[in-house]
Amino acid sequence: MSMGTDIQVSLLVPVKDEEAALPIFLERVIPVLQRLMFDGSPLSWEILFIDDGSTDRTLAHIMTAHARHPGVVGLSL
């Protein structure tokens, strides 16, 4: 996963073992980000999940979300 250079809004979200919460979070946050406008133009956005050593499928869920929404990216520590 790579981060773009023209991002106007970044959400940094630390996670650890959050596989159950990720779908709910994304379901609520992505529509809000998609509606963000500045001077009548949509803003580009990203959600950067910083995975702090999850032992569940948190990182796999982030990668799946990235396939549907390129603005969802992950960093595994």
PDB file of N, CA and C in Angstrom:
ATOM      1  N   MET A   1       0.839  -1.169   0.000  1.00  0.00           N
ATOM      2  CA  MET A   1       0.000   0.000   0.000  1.00  0.00           C
ATOM      3  C   MET A   1       0.892   1.242   0.000  1.00  0.00           C
ATOM      4  N   SER A   2       0.570   2.161  -0.835  1.00  0.00           N
ATOM      5  CA  SER A   2       1.371   3.379  -0.875  1.00  0.00           C
ATOM      6  C   SER A   2       0.491   4.591  -0.650  1.00  0.00           C
ATOM      7  N   MET A   3       1.069   5.596  -0.047  1.00  0.00           N
ATOM      8  CA  MET A   3       0.352   6.823   0.233  1.00  0.00           C
ATOM      9  C   MET A   3       0.544   7.800  -0.915  1.00  0.00           C
ATOM     10  N   GLY A   4      -0.511   8.509  -1.287  1.00  0.00           N
ATOM     11  CA  GLY A   4      -0.437   9.492  -2.360  1.00  0.00           C
ATOM     12  C   GLY A   4       0.231  10.769  -1.902  1.00  0.00           C
ATOM     13  N   THR A   5       0.613  11.598  -2.868  1.00  0.00           N
ATOM     14  CA  THR A   5       1.290  12.840  -2.530  1.00  0.00           C
ATOM     15  C   THR A   5       0.349  14.033  -2.565  1.00  0.00           C
ATOM     16  N   ASP A   6      -0.868  13.846  -3.060  1.00  0.00           N
ATOM     17  CA  ASP A   6      -1.790  14.972  -3.175  1.00  0.00           C
ATOM     18  C   ASP A   6      -2.936  14.901  -2.161  1.00  0.00           C
ATOM     19  N   ILE A   7      -2.719  14.220  -1.070  1.00  0.00           N
ATOM     20  CA  ILE A   7      -3.747  14.057  -0.042  1.00  0.00           C
ATOM     21  C   ILE A   7      -3.973  15.391   0.665  1.00  0.00           C
ATOM     22  N   GLN A   8      -5.244  15.753   0.816  1.00  0.00           N
ATOM     23  CA  GLN A   8      -5.592  16.999   1.491  1.00  0.00           C
ATOM     24  C   GLN A   8      -6.074  16.774   2.918  1.00  0.00           C
ATOM     25  N   VAL A   9      -6.614  15.586   3.202  1.00  0.00           N
ATOM     26  CA  VAL A   9      -7.089  15.253   4.547  1.00  0.00           C
ATOM     27  C   VAL A   9      -6.563  13.863   4.893  1.00  0.00           C
ATOM     28  N   SER A  10      -5.893  13.752   6.036  1.00  0.00           N
ATOM     29  CA  SER A  10      -5.395  12.462   6.507  1.00  0.00           C
ATOM     30  C   SER A  10      -5.936  12.192   7.902  1.00  0.00           C
ATOM     31  N   LEU A  11      -6.477  11.000   8.076  1.00  0.00           N
ATOM     32  CA  LEU A  11      -6.859  10.533   9.410  1.00  0.00           C
ATOM     33  C   LEU A  11      -5.830   9.498   9.822  1.00  0.00           C
ATOM     34  N   LEU A  12      -5.203   9.694  10.957  1.00  0.00           N
ATOM     35  CA  LEU A  12      -4.252   8.724  11.497  1.00  0.00           C
ATOM     36  C   LEU A  12      -4.964   7.959  12.593  1.00  0.00           C
ATOM     37  N   VAL A  13      -5.066   6.640  12.426  1.00  0.00           N
ATOM     38  CA  VAL A  13      -5.848   5.822  13.338  1.00  0.00           C
ATOM     39  C   VAL A  13      -4.978   4.687  13.872  1.00  0.00           C
ATOM     40  N   PRO A  14      -4.549   4.771  15.136  1.00  0.00           N
ATOM     41  CA  PRO A  14      -3.800   3.652  15.711  1.00  0.00           C
ATOM     42  C   PRO A  14      -4.760   2.492  16.006  1.00  0.00           C
ATOM     43  N   VAL A  15      -4.325   1.276  15.690  1.00  0.00           N
ATOM     44  CA  VAL A  15      -5.158   0.099  15.933  1.00  0.00           C
ATOM     45  C   VAL A  15      -4.316  -1.038  16.489  1.00  0.00           C
ATOM     46  N   LYS A  16      -4.967  -1.852  17.280  1.00  0.00           N
ATOM     47  CA  LYS A  16      -4.388  -3.119  17.745  1.00  0.00           C
ATOM     48  C   LYS A  16      -5.541  -4.057  18.051  1.00  0.00           C
ATOM     49  N   ASP A  17      -5.606  -5.143  17.304  1.00  0.00           N
ATOM     50  CA  ASP A  17      -6.653  -6.150  17.480  1.00  0.00           C
ATOM     51  C   ASP A  17      -8.049  -5.538  17.369  1.00  0.00           C
ATOM     52  N   GLU A  18      -8.283  -4.860  16.267  1.00  0.00           N
ATOM     53  CA  GLU A  18      -9.555  -4.159  16.039  1.00  0.00           C
ATOM     54  C   GLU A  18     -10.347  -4.713  14.858  1.00  0.00           C
ATOM     55  N   GLU A  19     -10.177  -5.993  14.527  1.00  0.00           N
ATOM     56  CA  GLU A  19     -10.855  -6.532  13.357  1.00  0.00           C
ATOM     57  C   GLU A  19     -12.370  -6.387  13.431  1.00  0.00           C
ATOM     58  N   ALA A  20     -12.952  -6.474  14.600  1.00  0.00           N
ATOM     59  CA  ALA A  20     -14.407  -6.342  14.727  1.00  0.00           C
ATOM     60  C   ALA A  20     -14.864  -4.897  14.553  1.00  0.00           C
ATOM     61  N   ALA A  21     -14.050  -3.952  14.971  1.00  0.00           N
ATOM     62  CA  ALA A  21     -14.439  -2.539  14.927  1.00  0.00           C
ATOM     63  C   ALA A  21     -14.162  -1.884  13.574  1.00  0.00           C
ATOM     64  N   LEU A  22     -13.202  -2.396  12.809  1.00  0.00           N
ATOM     65  CA  LEU A  22     -12.820  -1.748  11.549  1.00  0.00           C
ATOM     66  C   LEU A  22     -13.975  -1.579  10.565  1.00  0.00           C
ATOM     67  N   PRO A  23     -14.777  -2.616  10.285  1.00  0.00           N
ATOM     68  CA  PRO A  23     -15.867  -2.415   9.327  1.00  0.00           C
ATOM     69  C   PRO A  23     -16.861  -1.340   9.766  1.00  0.00           C
ATOM     70  N   ILE A  24     -17.153  -1.295  11.045  1.00  0.00           N
ATOM     71  CA  ILE A  24     -18.088  -0.292  11.565  1.00  0.00           C
ATOM     72  C   ILE A  24     -17.489   1.104  11.422  1.00  0.00           C
ATOM     73  N   PHE A  25     -16.217   1.244  11.796  1.00  0.00           N
ATOM     74  CA  PHE A  25     -15.527   2.526  11.678  1.00  0.00           C
ATOM     75  C   PHE A  25     -15.534   3.015  10.233  1.00  0.00           C
ATOM     76  N   LEU A  26     -15.134   2.142   9.312  1.00  0.00           N
ATOM     77  CA  LEU A  26     -15.060   2.536   7.903  1.00  0.00           C
ATOM     78  C   LEU A  26     -16.435   2.850   7.321  1.00  0.00           C
ATOM     79  N   GLU A  27     -17.427   2.093   7.710  1.00  0.00           N
ATOM     80  CA  GLU A  27     -18.795   2.322   7.228  1.00  0.00           C
ATOM     81  C   GLU A  27     -19.301   3.713   7.604  1.00  0.00           C
ATOM     82  N   ARG A  28     -18.858   4.205   8.735  1.00  0.00           N
ATOM     83  CA  ARG A  28     -19.301   5.522   9.202  1.00  0.00           C
ATOM     84  C   ARG A  28     -18.403   6.662   8.742  1.00  0.00           C
ATOM     85  N   VAL A  29     -17.121   6.432   8.640  1.00  0.00           N
ATOM     86  CA  VAL A  29     -16.171   7.508   8.350  1.00  0.00           C
ATOM     87  C   VAL A  29     -16.027   7.783   6.845  1.00  0.00           C
ATOM     88  N   ILE A  30     -15.976   6.751   6.027  1.00  0.00           N
ATOM     89  CA  ILE A  30     -15.754   6.957   4.592  1.00  0.00           C
ATOM     90  C   ILE A  30     -16.821   7.849   3.965  1.00  0.00           C
ATOM     91  N   PRO A  31     -18.116   7.647   4.240  1.00  0.00           N
ATOM     92  CA  PRO A  31     -19.106   8.556   3.643  1.00  0.00           C
ATOM     93  C   PRO A  31     -18.902  10.021   4.041  1.00  0.00           C
ATOM     94  N   VAL A  32     -18.445  10.249   5.254  1.00  0.00           N
ATOM     95  CA  VAL A  32     -18.176  11.620   5.695  1.00  0.00           C
ATOM     96  C   VAL A  32     -17.013  12.199   4.894  1.00  0.00           C
ATOM     97  N   LEU A  33     -15.945  11.432   4.744  1.00  0.00           N
ATOM     98  CA  LEU A  33     -14.794  11.902   3.978  1.00  0.00           C
ATOM     99  C   LEU A  33     -15.154  12.154   2.520  1.00  0.00           C
ATOM    100  N   GLN A  34     -16.002  11.304   1.964  1.00  0.00           N
ATOM    101  CA  GLN A  34     -16.395  11.462   0.564  1.00  0.00           C
ATOM    102  C   GLN A  34     -17.225  12.725   0.334  1.00  0.00           C
ATOM    103  N   ARG A  35     -17.836  13.261   1.365  1.00  0.00           N
ATOM    104  CA  ARG A  35     -18.655  14.476   1.231  1.00  0.00           C
ATOM    105  C   ARG A  35     -17.861  15.757   1.488  1.00  0.00           C
ATOM    106  N   LEU A  36     -16.621  15.649   1.934  1.00  0.00           N
ATOM    107  CA  LEU A  36     -15.830  16.846   2.223  1.00  0.00           C
ATOM    108  C   LEU A  36     -15.553  17.634   0.949  1.00  0.00           C
ATOM    109  N   MET A  37     -15.816  18.932   1.011  1.00  0.00           N
ATOM    110  CA  MET A  37     -15.619  19.805  -0.150  1.00  0.00           C
ATOM    111  C   MET A  37     -14.848  21.047   0.275  1.00  0.00           C
ATOM    112  N   PHE A  38     -14.136  21.628  -0.692  1.00  0.00           N
ATOM    113  CA  PHE A  38     -13.500  22.927  -0.504  1.00  0.00           C
ATOM    114  C   PHE A  38     -13.657  23.685  -1.811  1.00  0.00           C
ATOM    115  N   ASP A  39     -14.264  24.838  -1.744  1.00  0.00           N
ATOM    116  CA  ASP A  39     -14.536  25.652  -2.943  1.00  0.00           C
ATOM    117  C   ASP A  39     -15.271  24.855  -4.023  1.00  0.00           C
ATOM    118  N   GLY A  40     -16.198  24.006  -3.599  1.00  0.00           N
ATOM    119  CA  GLY A  40     -17.007  23.251  -4.546  1.00  0.00           C
ATOM    120  C   GLY A  40     -16.358  22.008  -5.115  1.00  0.00           C
ATOM    121  N   SER A  41     -15.136  21.700  -4.697  1.00  0.00           N
ATOM    122  CA  SER A  41     -14.440  20.513  -5.186  1.00  0.00           C
ATOM    123  C   SER A  41     -14.241  19.520  -4.041  1.00  0.00           C
ATOM    124  N   PRO A  42     -14.377  18.230  -4.341  1.00  0.00           N
ATOM    125  CA  PRO A  42     -14.140  17.238  -3.290  1.00  0.00           C
ATOM    126  C   PRO A  42     -12.675  17.231  -2.870  1.00  0.00           C
ATOM    127  N   LEU A  43     -12.458  17.009  -1.587  1.00  0.00           N
ATOM    128  CA  LEU A  43     -11.094  16.908  -1.070  1.00  0.00           C
ATOM    129  C   LEU A  43     -10.603  15.477  -1.219  1.00  0.00           C
ATOM    130  N   SER A  44      -9.324  15.327  -1.500  1.00  0.00           N
ATOM    131  CA  SER A  44      -8.733  13.992  -1.501  1.00  0.00           C
ATOM    132  C   SER A  44      -8.425  13.623  -0.050  1.00  0.00           C
ATOM    133  N   TRP A  45      -8.543  12.345   0.248  1.00  0.00           N
ATOM    134  CA  TRP A  45      -8.390  11.923   1.636  1.00  0.00           C
ATOM    135  C   TRP A  45      -7.704  10.569   1.725  1.00  0.00           C
ATOM    136  N   GLU A  46      -7.235  10.275   2.925  1.00  0.00           N
ATOM    137  CA  GLU A  46      -6.709   8.964   3.246  1.00  0.00           C
ATOM    138  C   GLU A  46      -7.008   8.668   4.703  1.00  0.00           C
ATOM    139  N   ILE A  47      -7.138   7.402   4.991  1.00  0.00           N
ATOM    140  CA  ILE A  47      -7.199   6.925   6.368  1.00  0.00           C
ATOM    141  C   ILE A  47      -5.974   6.044   6.534  1.00  0.00           C
ATOM    142  N   LEU A  48      -5.046   6.469   7.364  1.00  0.00           N
ATOM    143  CA  LEU A  48      -3.820   5.710   7.603  1.00  0.00           C
ATOM    144  C   LEU A  48      -3.953   4.981   8.933  1.00  0.00           C
ATOM    145  N   PHE A  49      -4.129   3.672   8.850  1.00  0.00           N
ATOM    146  CA  PHE A  49      -4.183   2.836  10.047  1.00  0.00           C
ATOM    147  C   PHE A  49      -2.763   2.454  10.417  1.00  0.00           C
ATOM    148  N   ILE A  50      -2.411   2.640  11.673  1.00  0.00           N
ATOM    149  CA  ILE A  50      -1.100   2.269  12.172  1.00  0.00           C
ATOM    150  C   ILE A  50      -1.322   1.083  13.109  1.00  0.00           C
ATOM    151  N   ASP A  51      -0.992  -0.094  12.609  1.00  0.00           N
ATOM    152  CA  ASP A  51      -1.240  -1.341  13.329  1.00  0.00           C
ATOM    153  C   ASP A  51      -0.064  -1.642  14.252  1.00  0.00           C
ATOM    154  N   ASP A  52      -0.338  -1.669  15.530  1.00  0.00           N
ATOM    155  CA  ASP A  52       0.702  -1.856  16.536  1.00  0.00           C
ATOM    156  C   ASP A  52       0.783  -3.318  16.977  1.00  0.00           C
ATOM    157  N   GLY A  53       1.029  -4.204  16.007  1.00  0.00           N
ATOM    158  CA  GLY A  53       1.261  -5.604  16.344  1.00  0.00           C
ATOM    159  C   GLY A  53       0.009  -6.416  16.619  1.00  0.00           C
ATOM    160  N   SER A  54      -1.034  -6.194  15.874  1.00  0.00           N
ATOM    161  CA  SER A  54      -2.269  -6.962  16.072  1.00  0.00           C
ATOM    162  C   SER A  54      -2.010  -8.453  15.900  1.00  0.00           C
ATOM    163  N   THR A  55      -2.711  -9.254  16.701  1.00  0.00           N
ATOM    164  CA  THR A  55      -2.606 -10.705  16.597  1.00  0.00           C
ATOM    165  C   THR A  55      -3.847 -11.306  15.943  1.00  0.00           C
ATOM    166  N   ASP A  56      -4.820 -10.480  15.620  1.00  0.00           N
ATOM    167  CA  ASP A  56      -6.008 -10.945  14.911  1.00  0.00           C
ATOM    168  C   ASP A  56      -5.883 -10.588  13.432  1.00  0.00           C
ATOM    169  N   ARG A  57      -6.968 -10.451  12.731  1.00  0.00           N
ATOM    170  CA  ARG A  57      -6.950 -10.178  11.286  1.00  0.00           C
ATOM    171  C   ARG A  57      -7.118  -8.694  10.972  1.00  0.00           C
ATOM    172  N   THR A  58      -6.701  -7.841  11.866  1.00  0.00           N
ATOM    173  CA  THR A  58      -6.826  -6.401  11.645  1.00  0.00           C
ATOM    174  C   THR A  58      -6.133  -5.979  10.351  1.00  0.00           C
ATOM    175  N   LEU A  59      -4.900  -6.371  10.155  1.00  0.00           N
ATOM    176  CA  LEU A  59      -4.158  -5.955   8.960  1.00  0.00           C
ATOM    177  C   LEU A  59      -4.803  -6.504   7.688  1.00  0.00           C
ATOM    178  N   ALA A  60      -5.301  -7.722   7.723  1.00  0.00           N
ATOM    179  CA  ALA A  60      -5.992  -8.291   6.558  1.00  0.00           C
ATOM    180  C   ALA A  60      -7.245  -7.484   6.225  1.00  0.00           C
ATOM    181  N   HIS A  61      -7.964  -7.036   7.242  1.00  0.00           N
ATOM    182  CA  HIS A  61      -9.155  -6.206   7.006  1.00  0.00           C
ATOM    183  C   HIS A  61      -8.770  -4.856   6.402  1.00  0.00           C
ATOM    184  N   ILE A  62      -7.661  -4.294   6.838  1.00  0.00           N
ATOM    185  CA  ILE A  62      -7.187  -3.028   6.271  1.00  0.00           C
ATOM    186  C   ILE A  62      -6.842  -3.214   4.793  1.00  0.00           C
ATOM    187  N   MET A  63      -6.178  -4.305   4.461  1.00  0.00           N
ATOM    188  CA  MET A  63      -5.800  -4.563   3.078  1.00  0.00           C
ATOM    189  C   MET A  63      -7.038  -4.793   2.201  1.00  0.00           C
ATOM    190  N   THR A  64      -8.032  -5.476   2.734  1.00  0.00           N
ATOM    191  CA  THR A  64      -9.281  -5.687   2.002  1.00  0.00           C
ATOM    192  C   THR A  64      -9.983  -4.353   1.764  1.00  0.00           C
ATOM    193  N   ALA A  65     -10.007  -3.506   2.789  1.00  0.00           N
ATOM    194  CA  ALA A  65     -10.634  -2.181   2.650  1.00  0.00           C
ATOM    195  C   ALA A  65      -9.883  -1.347   1.616  1.00  0.00           C
ATOM    196  N   HIS A  66      -8.566  -1.478   1.561  1.00  0.00           N
ATOM    197  CA  HIS A  66      -7.760  -0.746   0.584  1.00  0.00           C
ATOM    198  C   HIS A  66      -8.131  -1.146  -0.850  1.00  0.00           C
ATOM    199  N   ALA A  67      -8.436  -2.409  -1.043  1.00  0.00           N
ATOM    200  CA  ALA A  67      -8.822  -2.878  -2.384  1.00  0.00           C
ATOM    201  C   ALA A  67     -10.107  -2.198  -2.853  1.00  0.00           C
ATOM    202  N   ARG A  68     -11.005  -1.893  -1.920  1.00  0.00           N
ATOM    203  CA  ARG A  68     -12.265  -1.216  -2.263  1.00  0.00           C
ATOM    204  C   ARG A  68     -12.121   0.293  -2.265  1.00  0.00           C
ATOM    205  N   HIS A  69     -11.281   0.810  -1.376  1.00  0.00           N
ATOM    206  CA  HIS A  69     -11.099   2.255  -1.212  1.00  0.00           C
ATOM    207  C   HIS A  69      -9.594   2.536  -1.145  1.00  0.00           C
ATOM    208  N   PRO A  70      -8.975   2.962  -2.236  1.00  0.00           N
ATOM    209  CA  PRO A  70      -7.525   3.195  -2.247  1.00  0.00           C
ATOM    210  C   PRO A  70      -7.051   4.197  -1.195  1.00  0.00           C
ATOM    211  N   GLY A  71      -7.946   5.018  -0.676  1.00  0.00           N
ATOM    212  CA  GLY A  71      -7.574   5.979   0.351  1.00  0.00           C
ATOM    213  C   GLY A  71      -7.368   5.347   1.716  1.00  0.00           C
ATOM    214  N   VAL A  72      -7.712   4.085   1.862  1.00  0.00           N
ATOM    215  CA  VAL A  72      -7.474   3.353   3.113  1.00  0.00           C
ATOM    216  C   VAL A  72      -6.117   2.683   2.986  1.00  0.00           C
ATOM    217  N   VAL A  73      -5.193   3.058   3.863  1.00  0.00           N
ATOM    218  CA  VAL A  73      -3.846   2.492   3.822  1.00  0.00           C
ATOM    219  C   VAL A  73      -3.450   2.037   5.207  1.00  0.00           C
ATOM    220  N   GLY A  74      -2.461   1.168   5.265  1.00  0.00           N
ATOM    221  CA  GLY A  74      -2.025   0.647   6.546  1.00  0.00           C
ATOM    222  C   GLY A  74      -0.524   0.614   6.691  1.00  0.00           C
ATOM    223  N   LEU A  75      -0.098   0.708   7.912  1.00  0.00           N
ATOM    224  CA  LEU A  75       1.311   0.622   8.279  1.00  0.00           C
ATOM    225  C   LEU A  75       1.381  -0.346   9.441  1.00  0.00           C
ATOM    226  N   SER A  76       2.134  -1.416   9.281  1.00  0.00           N
ATOM    227  CA  SER A  76       2.257  -2.411  10.346  1.00  0.00           C
ATOM    228  C   SER A  76       3.589  -2.229  11.063  1.00  0.00           C
ATOM    229  N   LEU A  77       3.530  -2.073  12.361  1.00  0.00           N
ATOM    230  CA  LEU A  77       4.763  -1.911  13.159  1.00  0.00           C
ATOM    231  C   LEU A  77       5.258  -3.251  13.640  1.00  0.00           C
TER     232      LEU A  77
END
